[in-house]
Amino acid sequence: MEKMGEKPAAKKPVVALVKPVAHTLEISPPFKLVFVTIAAWTAFWLLIGLLATLRYPDPPAVQTADFCFELAKLGFVAMIGLLGGKVL
């Protein structure tokens, strides 16, 4: 019981416990630099391959376009690998 003139005891606030976030993904500046560079080179090789295919349909240009598309595929696989490695 409270005495005369005393303030009532403060009630403790009810606070729900917050679950910790299991997977926070922090992306470092060097990772961003490498990822953006690979993405830019991939887009560049796709563009060059498309231009070579559409503009010059002769066999040497088709071989050049195939090579450019191979480089673009490698860039795409590199981006997937970077993202997969970052999640793990």
PDB file of N, CA and C in Angstrom:
ATOM      1  N   MET A   1       0.828  -1.178   0.000  1.00  0.00           N
ATOM      2  CA  MET A   1       0.000   0.000   0.000  1.00  0.00           C
ATOM      3  C   MET A   1       0.868   1.235   0.000  1.00  0.00           C
ATOM      4  N   GLU A   2       0.309   2.292  -0.501  1.00  0.00           N
ATOM      5  CA  GLU A   2       1.039   3.545  -0.593  1.00  0.00           C
ATOM      6  C   GLU A   2       0.730   4.421   0.601  1.00  0.00           C
ATOM      7  N   LYS A   3       1.725   5.169   0.986  1.00  0.00           N
ATOM      8  CA  LYS A   3       1.525   6.107   2.084  1.00  0.00           C
ATOM      9  C   LYS A   3       0.939   7.389   1.532  1.00  0.00           C
ATOM     10  N   MET A   4       0.406   8.161   2.400  1.00  0.00           N
ATOM     11  CA  MET A   4      -0.193   9.433   2.027  1.00  0.00           C
ATOM     12  C   MET A   4       0.859  10.355   1.417  1.00  0.00           C
ATOM     13  N   GLY A   5       0.585  10.932   0.275  1.00  0.00           N
ATOM     14  CA  GLY A   5       1.474  11.890  -0.357  1.00  0.00           C
ATOM     15  C   GLY A   5       2.499  11.260  -1.286  1.00  0.00           C
ATOM     16  N   GLU A   6       2.608   9.934  -1.324  1.00  0.00           N
ATOM     17  CA  GLU A   6       3.566   9.300  -2.220  1.00  0.00           C
ATOM     18  C   GLU A   6       2.901   9.040  -3.569  1.00  0.00           C
ATOM     19  N   LYS A   7       3.734   9.069  -4.596  1.00  0.00           N
ATOM     20  CA  LYS A   7       3.231   8.778  -5.939  1.00  0.00           C
ATOM     21  C   LYS A   7       3.059   7.278  -6.077  1.00  0.00           C
ATOM     22  N   PRO A   8       2.067   6.863  -6.844  1.00  0.00           N
ATOM     23  CA  PRO A   8       1.905   5.422  -7.065  1.00  0.00           C
ATOM     24  C   PRO A   8       3.110   4.867  -7.824  1.00  0.00           C
ATOM     25  N   ALA A   9       3.412   3.636  -7.586  1.00  0.00           N
ATOM     26  CA  ALA A   9       4.552   2.998  -8.253  1.00  0.00           C
ATOM     27  C   ALA A   9       4.300   2.945  -9.756  1.00  0.00           C
ATOM     28  N   ALA A  10       5.325   3.300 -10.517  1.00  0.00           N
ATOM     29  CA  ALA A  10       5.191   3.308 -11.976  1.00  0.00           C
ATOM     30  C   ALA A  10       5.134   1.870 -12.488  1.00  0.00           C
ATOM     31  N   LYS A  11       4.246   1.667 -13.437  1.00  0.00           N
ATOM     32  CA  LYS A  11       4.133   0.342 -14.027  1.00  0.00           C
ATOM     33  C   LYS A  11       5.214   0.181 -15.087  1.00  0.00           C
ATOM     34  N   LYS A  12       5.759  -1.016 -15.181  1.00  0.00           N
ATOM     35  CA  LYS A  12       6.762  -1.277 -16.201  1.00  0.00           C
ATOM     36  C   LYS A  12       6.051  -1.389 -17.545  1.00  0.00           C
ATOM     37  N   PRO A  13       6.604  -0.739 -18.565  1.00  0.00           N
ATOM     38  CA  PRO A  13       5.973  -0.853 -19.882  1.00  0.00           C
ATOM     39  C   PRO A  13       6.140  -2.267 -20.438  1.00  0.00           C
ATOM     40  N   VAL A  14       5.129  -2.689 -21.148  1.00  0.00           N
ATOM     41  CA  VAL A  14       5.175  -4.002 -21.769  1.00  0.00           C
ATOM     42  C   VAL A  14       5.863  -3.840 -23.121  1.00  0.00           C
ATOM     43  N   VAL A  15       6.974  -4.525 -23.294  1.00  0.00           N
ATOM     44  CA  VAL A  15       7.744  -4.425 -24.527  1.00  0.00           C
ATOM     45  C   VAL A  15       7.865  -5.817 -25.133  1.00  0.00           C
ATOM     46  N   ALA A  16       7.529  -5.915 -26.394  1.00  0.00           N
ATOM     47  CA  ALA A  16       7.671  -7.193 -27.079  1.00  0.00           C
ATOM     48  C   ALA A  16       9.137  -7.392 -27.449  1.00  0.00           C
ATOM     49  N   LEU A  17       9.620  -8.598 -27.285  1.00  0.00           N
ATOM     50  CA  LEU A  17      10.987  -8.895 -27.639  1.00  0.00           C
ATOM     51  C   LEU A  17      11.142  -8.897 -29.160  1.00  0.00           C
ATOM     52  N   VAL A  18      12.199  -8.321 -29.622  1.00  0.00           N
ATOM     53  CA  VAL A  18      12.459  -8.251 -31.053  1.00  0.00           C
ATOM     54  C   VAL A  18      13.402  -9.384 -31.422  1.00  0.00           C
ATOM     55  N   LYS A  19      13.015 -10.113 -32.446  1.00  0.00           N
ATOM     56  CA  LYS A  19      13.875 -11.197 -32.902  1.00  0.00           C
ATOM     57  C   LYS A  19      15.054 -10.592 -33.660  1.00  0.00           C
ATOM     58  N   PRO A  20      16.245 -11.081 -33.411  1.00  0.00           N
ATOM     59  CA  PRO A  20      17.391 -10.554 -34.162  1.00  0.00           C
ATOM     60  C   PRO A  20      17.305 -10.973 -35.627  1.00  0.00           C
ATOM     61  N   VAL A  21      17.736 -10.095 -36.486  1.00  0.00           N
ATOM     62  CA  VAL A  21      17.717 -10.382 -37.916  1.00  0.00           C
ATOM     63  C   VAL A  21      18.853 -11.354 -38.204  1.00  0.00           C
ATOM     64  N   ALA A  22      18.506 -12.477 -38.808  1.00  0.00           N
ATOM     65  CA  ALA A  22      19.495 -13.530 -39.006  1.00  0.00           C
ATOM     66  C   ALA A  22      20.484 -13.184 -40.114  1.00  0.00           C
ATOM     67  N   HIS A  23      19.996 -12.658 -41.218  1.00  0.00           N
ATOM     68  CA  HIS A  23      20.869 -12.437 -42.363  1.00  0.00           C
ATOM     69  C   HIS A  23      20.811 -10.977 -42.799  1.00  0.00           C
ATOM     70  N   THR A  24      21.676 -10.166 -42.238  1.00  0.00           N
ATOM     71  CA  THR A  24      21.803  -8.816 -42.751  1.00  0.00           C
ATOM     72  C   THR A  24      22.957  -8.830 -43.730  1.00  0.00           C
ATOM     73  N   LEU A  25      22.721  -8.334 -44.914  1.00  0.00           N
ATOM     74  CA  LEU A  25      23.716  -8.372 -45.980  1.00  0.00           C
ATOM     75  C   LEU A  25      24.363  -7.003 -46.090  1.00  0.00           C
ATOM     76  N   GLU A  26      25.604  -6.922 -45.647  1.00  0.00           N
ATOM     77  CA  GLU A  26      26.341  -5.680 -45.768  1.00  0.00           C
ATOM     78  C   GLU A  26      27.214  -5.765 -47.017  1.00  0.00           C
ATOM     79  N   ILE A  27      27.048  -4.794 -47.900  1.00  0.00           N
ATOM     80  CA  ILE A  27      27.788  -4.797 -49.148  1.00  0.00           C
ATOM     81  C   ILE A  27      28.898  -3.760 -49.050  1.00  0.00           C
ATOM     82  N   SER A  28      30.119  -4.224 -49.196  1.00  0.00           N
ATOM     83  CA  SER A  28      31.272  -3.343 -49.076  1.00  0.00           C
ATOM     84  C   SER A  28      31.508  -2.593 -50.391  1.00  0.00           C
ATOM     85  N   PRO A  29      32.169  -1.439 -50.323  1.00  0.00           N
ATOM     86  CA  PRO A  29      32.455  -0.681 -51.551  1.00  0.00           C
ATOM     87  C   PRO A  29      33.287  -1.452 -52.583  1.00  0.00           C
ATOM     88  N   PRO A  30      34.316  -2.242 -52.193  1.00  0.00           N
ATOM     89  CA  PRO A  30      35.026  -3.005 -53.233  1.00  0.00           C
ATOM     90  C   PRO A  30      34.126  -4.022 -53.937  1.00  0.00           C
ATOM     91  N   PHE A  31      33.207  -4.644 -53.196  1.00  0.00           N
ATOM     92  CA  PHE A  31      32.274  -5.588 -53.822  1.00  0.00           C
ATOM     93  C   PHE A  31      31.396  -4.863 -54.832  1.00  0.00           C
ATOM     94  N   LYS A  32      30.899  -3.691 -54.464  1.00  0.00           N
ATOM     95  CA  LYS A  32      30.064  -2.913 -55.384  1.00  0.00           C
ATOM     96  C   LYS A  32      30.847  -2.555 -56.646  1.00  0.00           C
ATOM     97  N   LEU A  33      32.105  -2.160 -56.466  1.00  0.00           N
ATOM     98  CA  LEU A  33      32.937  -1.783 -57.599  1.00  0.00           C
ATOM     99  C   LEU A  33      33.130  -2.956 -58.560  1.00  0.00           C
ATOM    100  N   VAL A  34      33.449  -4.114 -58.022  1.00  0.00           N
ATOM    101  CA  VAL A  34      33.668  -5.292 -58.854  1.00  0.00           C
ATOM    102  C   VAL A  34      32.367  -5.695 -59.548  1.00  0.00           C
ATOM    103  N   PHE A  35      31.266  -5.687 -58.807  1.00  0.00           N
ATOM    104  CA  PHE A  35      29.983  -6.106 -59.382  1.00  0.00           C
ATOM    105  C   PHE A  35      29.551  -5.161 -60.500  1.00  0.00           C
ATOM    106  N   VAL A  36      29.653  -3.867 -60.262  1.00  0.00           N
ATOM    107  CA  VAL A  36      29.236  -2.893 -61.280  1.00  0.00           C
ATOM    108  C   VAL A  36      30.150  -2.977 -62.497  1.00  0.00           C
ATOM    109  N   THR A  37      31.446  -3.202 -62.283  1.00  0.00           N
ATOM    110  CA  THR A  37      32.374  -3.331 -63.402  1.00  0.00           C
ATOM    111  C   THR A  37      32.032  -4.546 -64.256  1.00  0.00           C
ATOM    112  N   ILE A  38      31.767  -5.673 -63.610  1.00  0.00           N
ATOM    113  CA  ILE A  38      31.402  -6.879 -64.362  1.00  0.00           C
ATOM    114  C   ILE A  38      30.080  -6.673 -65.099  1.00  0.00           C
ATOM    115  N   ALA A  39      29.121  -6.022 -64.452  1.00  0.00           N
ATOM    116  CA  ALA A  39      27.835  -5.759 -65.107  1.00  0.00           C
ATOM    117  C   ALA A  39      28.016  -4.843 -66.322  1.00  0.00           C
ATOM    118  N   ALA A  40      28.878  -3.845 -66.200  1.00  0.00           N
ATOM    119  CA  ALA A  40      29.113  -2.932 -67.323  1.00  0.00           C
ATOM    120  C   ALA A  40      29.790  -3.656 -68.483  1.00  0.00           C
ATOM    121  N   TRP A  41      30.793  -4.472 -68.183  1.00  0.00           N
ATOM    122  CA  TRP A  41      31.463  -5.219 -69.249  1.00  0.00           C
ATOM    123  C   TRP A  41      30.504  -6.217 -69.909  1.00  0.00           C
ATOM    124  N   THR A  42      29.649  -6.829 -69.121  1.00  0.00           N
ATOM    125  CA  THR A  42      28.674  -7.763 -69.680  1.00  0.00           C
ATOM    126  C   THR A  42      27.732  -7.042 -70.643  1.00  0.00           C
ATOM    127  N   ALA A  43      27.228  -5.893 -70.232  1.00  0.00           N
ATOM    128  CA  ALA A  43      26.342  -5.114 -71.099  1.00  0.00           C
ATOM    129  C   ALA A  43      27.083  -4.657 -72.360  1.00  0.00           C
ATOM    130  N   PHE A  44      28.345  -4.267 -72.198  1.00  0.00           N
ATOM    131  CA  PHE A  44      29.148  -3.833 -73.344  1.00  0.00           C
ATOM    132  C   PHE A  44      29.314  -4.959 -74.362  1.00  0.00           C
ATOM    133  N   TRP A  45      29.659  -6.156 -73.886  1.00  0.00           N
ATOM    134  CA  TRP A  45      29.872  -7.276 -74.811  1.00  0.00           C
ATOM    135  C   TRP A  45      28.560  -7.717 -75.455  1.00  0.00           C
ATOM    136  N   LEU A  46      27.453  -7.615 -74.720  1.00  0.00           N
ATOM    137  CA  LEU A  46      26.156  -7.918 -75.341  1.00  0.00           C
ATOM    138  C   LEU A  46      25.847  -6.935 -76.468  1.00  0.00           C
ATOM    139  N   LEU A  47      26.111  -5.665 -76.224  1.00  0.00           N
ATOM    140  CA  LEU A  47      25.853  -4.645 -77.240  1.00  0.00           C
ATOM    141  C   LEU A  47      26.737  -4.850 -78.460  1.00  0.00           C
ATOM    142  N   ILE A  48      28.016  -5.104 -78.247  1.00  0.00           N
ATOM    143  CA  ILE A  48      28.927  -5.328 -79.372  1.00  0.00           C
ATOM    144  C   ILE A  48      28.513  -6.580 -80.153  1.00  0.00           C
ATOM    145  N   GLY A  49      28.132  -7.630 -79.442  1.00  0.00           N
ATOM    146  CA  GLY A  49      27.683  -8.846 -80.114  1.00  0.00           C
ATOM    147  C   GLY A  49      26.437  -8.626 -80.946  1.00  0.00           C
ATOM    148  N   LEU A  50      25.493  -7.869 -80.395  1.00  0.00           N
ATOM    149  CA  LEU A  50      24.270  -7.573 -81.158  1.00  0.00           C
ATOM    150  C   LEU A  50      24.564  -6.729 -82.385  1.00  0.00           C
ATOM    151  N   LEU A  51      25.430  -5.733 -82.216  1.00  0.00           N
ATOM    152  CA  LEU A  51      25.784  -4.893 -83.363  1.00  0.00           C
ATOM    153  C   LEU A  51      26.495  -5.700 -84.443  1.00  0.00           C
ATOM    154  N   ALA A  52      27.407  -6.572 -84.032  1.00  0.00           N
ATOM    155  CA  ALA A  52      28.127  -7.382 -85.017  1.00  0.00           C
ATOM    156  C   ALA A  52      27.182  -8.344 -85.729  1.00  0.00           C
ATOM    157  N   THR A  53      26.220  -8.893 -85.018  1.00  0.00           N
ATOM    158  CA  THR A  53      25.288  -9.841 -85.624  1.00  0.00           C
ATOM    159  C   THR A  53      24.328  -9.145 -86.593  1.00  0.00           C
ATOM    160  N   LEU A  54      23.792  -8.021 -86.177  1.00  0.00           N
ATOM    161  CA  LEU A  54      22.775  -7.355 -86.985  1.00  0.00           C
ATOM    162  C   LEU A  54      23.363  -6.545 -88.136  1.00  0.00           C
ATOM    163  N   ARG A  55      24.532  -5.989 -87.925  1.00  0.00           N
ATOM    164  CA  ARG A  55      25.092  -5.090 -88.932  1.00  0.00           C
ATOM    165  C   ARG A  55      25.855  -5.838 -90.024  1.00  0.00           C
ATOM    166  N   TYR A  56      26.620  -6.824 -89.624  1.00  0.00           N
ATOM    167  CA  TYR A  56      27.468  -7.542 -90.591  1.00  0.00           C
ATOM    168  C   TYR A  56      27.164  -9.029 -90.517  1.00  0.00           C
ATOM    169  N   PRO A  57      26.336  -9.554 -91.405  1.00  0.00           N
ATOM    170  CA  PRO A  57      25.967 -10.969 -91.326  1.00  0.00           C
ATOM    171  C   PRO A  57      26.985 -11.932 -91.958  1.00  0.00           C
ATOM    172  N   ASP A  58      28.190 -11.465 -92.305  1.00  0.00           N
ATOM    173  CA  ASP A  58      29.185 -12.361 -92.907  1.00  0.00           C
ATOM    174  C   ASP A  58      29.826 -13.252 -91.841  1.00  0.00           C
ATOM    175  N   PRO A  59      30.432 -14.372 -92.228  1.00  0.00           N
ATOM    176  CA  PRO A  59      30.960 -15.343 -91.248  1.00  0.00           C
ATOM    177  C   PRO A  59      31.975 -14.789 -90.234  1.00  0.00           C
ATOM    178  N   PRO A  60      32.943 -13.934 -90.623  1.00  0.00           N
ATOM    179  CA  PRO A  60      33.857 -13.431 -89.589  1.00  0.00           C
ATOM    180  C   PRO A  60      33.141 -12.596 -88.519  1.00  0.00           C
ATOM    181  N   ALA A  61      32.147 -11.837 -88.927  1.00  0.00           N
ATOM    182  CA  ALA A  61      31.406 -11.032 -87.959  1.00  0.00           C
ATOM    183  C   ALA A  61      30.569 -11.916 -87.049  1.00  0.00           C
ATOM    184  N   VAL A  62      30.052 -13.015 -87.591  1.00  0.00           N
ATOM    185  CA  VAL A  62      29.270 -13.942 -86.776  1.00  0.00           C
ATOM    186  C   VAL A  62      30.177 -14.612 -85.744  1.00  0.00           C
ATOM    187  N   GLN A  63      31.400 -14.947 -86.136  1.00  0.00           N
ATOM    188  CA  GLN A  63      32.350 -15.518 -85.178  1.00  0.00           C
ATOM    189  C   GLN A  63      32.693 -14.502 -84.096  1.00  0.00           C
ATOM    190  N   THR A  64      32.857 -13.250 -84.491  1.00  0.00           N
ATOM    191  CA  THR A  64      33.130 -12.186 -83.514  1.00  0.00           C
ATOM    192  C   THR A  64      31.953 -12.023 -82.564  1.00  0.00           C
ATOM    193  N   ALA A  65      30.749 -12.069 -83.110  1.00  0.00           N
ATOM    194  CA  ALA A  65      29.555 -11.943 -82.272  1.00  0.00           C
ATOM    195  C   ALA A  65      29.453 -13.117 -81.305  1.00  0.00           C
ATOM    196  N   ASP A  66      29.763 -14.321 -81.783  1.00  0.00           N
ATOM    197  CA  ASP A  66      29.733 -15.487 -80.895  1.00  0.00           C
ATOM    198  C   ASP A  66      30.726 -15.329 -79.748  1.00  0.00           C
ATOM    199  N   PHE A  67      31.914 -14.806 -80.074  1.00  0.00           N
ATOM    200  CA  PHE A  67      32.914 -14.571 -79.036  1.00  0.00           C
ATOM    201  C   PHE A  67      32.418 -13.532 -78.028  1.00  0.00           C
ATOM    202  N   CYS A  68      31.788 -12.478 -78.523  1.00  0.00           N
ATOM    203  CA  CYS A  68      31.249 -11.444 -77.626  1.00  0.00           C
ATOM    204  C   CYS A  68      30.153 -12.019 -76.732  1.00  0.00           C
ATOM    205  N   PHE A  69      29.311 -12.883 -77.288  1.00  0.00           N
ATOM    206  CA  PHE A  69      28.257 -13.495 -76.476  1.00  0.00           C
ATOM    207  C   PHE A  69      28.842 -14.447 -75.440  1.00  0.00           C
ATOM    208  N   GLU A  70      29.946 -15.114 -75.772  1.00  0.00           N
ATOM    209  CA  GLU A  70      30.613 -15.966 -74.786  1.00  0.00           C
ATOM    210  C   GLU A  70      31.147 -15.130 -73.625  1.00  0.00           C
ATOM    211  N   LEU A  71      31.729 -13.975 -73.935  1.00  0.00           N
ATOM    212  CA  LEU A  71      32.222 -13.088 -72.878  1.00  0.00           C
ATOM    213  C   LEU A  71      31.064 -12.569 -72.018  1.00  0.00           C
ATOM    214  N   ALA A  72      29.931 -12.281 -72.653  1.00  0.00           N
ATOM    215  CA  ALA A  72      28.758 -11.824 -71.906  1.00  0.00           C
ATOM    216  C   ALA A  72      28.244 -12.931 -70.995  1.00  0.00           C
ATOM    217  N   LYS A  73      28.268 -14.185 -71.478  1.00  0.00           N
ATOM    218  CA  LYS A  73      27.844 -15.310 -70.631  1.00  0.00           C
ATOM    219  C   LYS A  73      28.764 -15.459 -69.432  1.00  0.00           C
ATOM    220  N   LEU A  74      30.067 -15.306 -69.669  1.00  0.00           N
ATOM    221  CA  LEU A  74      31.020 -15.383 -68.555  1.00  0.00           C
ATOM    222  C   LEU A  74      30.758 -14.275 -67.521  1.00  0.00           C
ATOM    223  N   GLY A  75      30.435 -13.088 -68.009  1.00  0.00           N
ATOM    224  CA  GLY A  75      30.127 -11.992 -67.091  1.00  0.00           C
ATOM    225  C   GLY A  75      28.877 -12.271 -66.273  1.00  0.00           C
ATOM    226  N   PHE A  76      27.871 -12.839 -66.928  1.00  0.00           N
ATOM    227  CA  PHE A  76      26.640 -13.174 -66.217  1.00  0.00           C
ATOM    228  C   PHE A  76      26.900 -14.228 -65.144  1.00  0.00           C
ATOM    229  N   VAL A  77      27.684 -15.233 -65.489  1.00  0.00           N
ATOM    230  CA  VAL A  77      28.021 -16.282 -64.514  1.00  0.00           C
ATOM    231  C   VAL A  77      28.841 -15.699 -63.366  1.00  0.00           C
ATOM    232  N   ALA A  78      29.723 -14.756 -63.677  1.00  0.00           N
ATOM    233  CA  ALA A  78      30.520 -14.116 -62.625  1.00  0.00           C
ATOM    234  C   ALA A  78      29.627 -13.328 -61.665  1.00  0.00           C
ATOM    235  N   MET A  79      28.619 -12.647 -62.200  1.00  0.00           N
ATOM    236  CA  MET A  79      27.700 -11.904 -61.323  1.00  0.00           C
ATOM    237  C   MET A  79      26.910 -12.851 -60.425  1.00  0.00           C
ATOM    238  N   ILE A  80      26.435 -13.957 -60.983  1.00  0.00           N
ATOM    239  CA  ILE A  80      25.712 -14.945 -60.189  1.00  0.00           C
ATOM    240  C   ILE A  80      26.627 -15.508 -59.093  1.00  0.00           C
ATOM    241  N   GLY A  81      27.876 -15.787 -59.452  1.00  0.00           N
ATOM    242  CA  GLY A  81      28.830 -16.292 -58.467  1.00  0.00           C
ATOM    243  C   GLY A  81      29.129 -15.286 -57.376  1.00  0.00           C
ATOM    244  N   LEU A  82      29.262 -14.031 -57.742  1.00  0.00           N
ATOM    245  CA  LEU A  82      29.505 -13.004 -56.719  1.00  0.00           C
ATOM    246  C   LEU A  82      28.339 -12.887 -55.755  1.00  0.00           C
ATOM    247  N   LEU A  83      27.126 -12.874 -56.303  1.00  0.00           N
ATOM    248  CA  LEU A  83      25.948 -12.781 -55.436  1.00  0.00           C
ATOM    249  C   LEU A  83      25.785 -14.030 -54.563  1.00  0.00           C
ATOM    250  N   GLY A  84      26.027 -15.194 -55.146  1.00  0.00           N
ATOM    251  CA  GLY A  84      25.924 -16.428 -54.364  1.00  0.00           C
ATOM    252  C   GLY A  84      26.960 -16.501 -53.268  1.00  0.00           C
ATOM    253  N   GLY A  85      28.171 -16.051 -53.562  1.00  0.00           N
ATOM    254  CA  GLY A  85      29.216 -16.046 -52.553  1.00  0.00           C
ATOM    255  C   GLY A  85      28.956 -15.026 -51.463  1.00  0.00           C
ATOM    256  N   LYS A  86      28.327 -13.931 -51.809  1.00  0.00           N
ATOM    257  CA  LYS A  86      28.039 -12.896 -50.812  1.00  0.00           C
ATOM    258  C   LYS A  86      26.954 -13.358 -49.837  1.00  0.00           C
ATOM    259  N   VAL A  87      25.999 -14.118 -50.314  1.00  0.00           N
ATOM    260  CA  VAL A  87      24.911 -14.597 -49.443  1.00  0.00           C
ATOM    261  C   VAL A  87      25.421 -15.625 -48.452  1.00  0.00           C
ATOM    262  N   LEU A  88      26.351 -16.473 -48.906  1.00  0.00           N
ATOM    263  CA  LEU A  88      26.903 -17.487 -48.009  1.00  0.00           C
ATOM    264  C   LEU A  88      27.791 -16.814 -47.024  1.00  0.00           C
TER     265      LEU A  88
END
